[in-house]
Amino acid sequence: MLDKLASNGLRPAVLVADTGYGANADFRRSLADHGRAYVCRSKPQ
């Protein structure tokens, strides 16, 4: 979805994601690699 938005010249200021995405290191790394600001919920330790 983010790539599709970007192809239309749109870019969210901040991406907010739930615990499922927050626990996915590859997802978070990809966001960081693309310079996207994000907030993800994480599981309590």
C-alpha atoms as a PDB file:
ATOM      1  CA  MET A   1       0.000   0.000   0.000  1.00  0.00           C
ATOM      2  CA  LEU A   2       2.803   2.390   0.830  1.00  0.00           C
ATOM      3  CA  ASP A   3       4.433   1.853  -2.569  1.00  0.00           C
ATOM      4  CA  LYS A   4       1.099   2.449  -4.318  1.00  0.00           C
ATOM      5  CA  LEU A   5       0.579   5.687  -2.394  1.00  0.00           C
ATOM      6  CA  ALA A   6       4.113   6.796  -3.242  1.00  0.00           C
ATOM      7  CA  SER A   7       3.536   6.085  -6.938  1.00  0.00           C
ATOM      8  CA  ASN A   8       0.663   8.592  -6.760  1.00  0.00           C
ATOM      9  CA  GLY A   9       2.838  11.205  -5.077  1.00  0.00           C
ATOM     10  CA  LEU A  10       1.359  10.607  -1.628  1.00  0.00           C
ATOM     11  CA  ARG A  11       3.335   9.892   1.511  1.00  0.00           C
ATOM     12  CA  PRO A  12       1.858   9.668   5.010  1.00  0.00           C
ATOM     13  CA  ALA A  13       3.657  11.860   7.558  1.00  0.00           C
ATOM     14  CA  VAL A  14       3.764   8.995  10.058  1.00  0.00           C
ATOM     15  CA  LEU A  15       2.785   5.354   9.743  1.00  0.00           C
ATOM     16  CA  VAL A  16       1.031   3.774  12.742  1.00  0.00           C
ATOM     17  CA  ALA A  17       0.955  -0.027  13.016  1.00  0.00           C
ATOM     18  CA  ASP A  18      -0.364  -2.638  15.430  1.00  0.00           C
ATOM     19  CA  THR A  19       1.538  -5.274  17.411  1.00  0.00           C
ATOM     20  CA  GLY A  20       1.630  -7.748  14.509  1.00  0.00           C
ATOM     21  CA  TYR A  21       3.646  -5.331  12.385  1.00  0.00           C
ATOM     22  CA  GLY A  22       5.520  -3.979  15.408  1.00  0.00           C
ATOM     23  CA  ALA A  23       6.891  -7.463  16.080  1.00  0.00           C
ATOM     24  CA  ASN A  24       8.092  -7.820  12.482  1.00  0.00           C
ATOM     25  CA  ALA A  25      11.727  -6.640  12.364  1.00  0.00           C
ATOM     26  CA  ASP A  26      11.866  -6.870   8.551  1.00  0.00           C
ATOM     27  CA  PHE A  27       8.839  -4.577   8.260  1.00  0.00           C
ATOM     28  CA  ARG A  28      10.333  -2.019  10.651  1.00  0.00           C
ATOM     29  CA  ARG A  29      13.723  -2.203   8.914  1.00  0.00           C
ATOM     30  CA  SER A  30      12.084  -1.613   5.532  1.00  0.00           C
ATOM     31  CA  LEU A  31      10.307   1.470   6.856  1.00  0.00           C
ATOM     32  CA  ALA A  32      13.564   2.814   8.274  1.00  0.00           C
ATOM     33  CA  ASP A  33      15.452   2.018   5.048  1.00  0.00           C
ATOM     34  CA  HIS A  34      12.867   4.028   3.097  1.00  0.00           C
ATOM     35  CA  GLY A  35      13.117   6.946   5.540  1.00  0.00           C
ATOM     36  CA  ARG A  36       9.553   6.586   6.767  1.00  0.00           C
ATOM     37  CA  ALA A  37       8.545   7.789  10.216  1.00  0.00           C
ATOM     38  CA  TYR A  38       6.601   5.158  12.120  1.00  0.00           C
ATOM     39  CA  VAL A  39       5.108   4.190  15.468  1.00  0.00           C
ATOM     40  CA  CYS A  40       4.414   0.511  16.154  1.00  0.00           C
ATOM     41  CA  ARG A  41       2.884  -1.089  19.174  1.00  0.00           C
ATOM     42  CA  SER A  42       5.081  -3.744  20.741  1.00  0.00           C
ATOM     43  CA  LYS A  43       4.392  -6.730  22.946  1.00  0.00           C
ATOM     44  CA  PRO A  44       5.071  -6.273  26.664  1.00  0.00           C
ATOM     45  CA  GLN A  45       8.151  -8.074  27.895  1.00  0.00           C
END
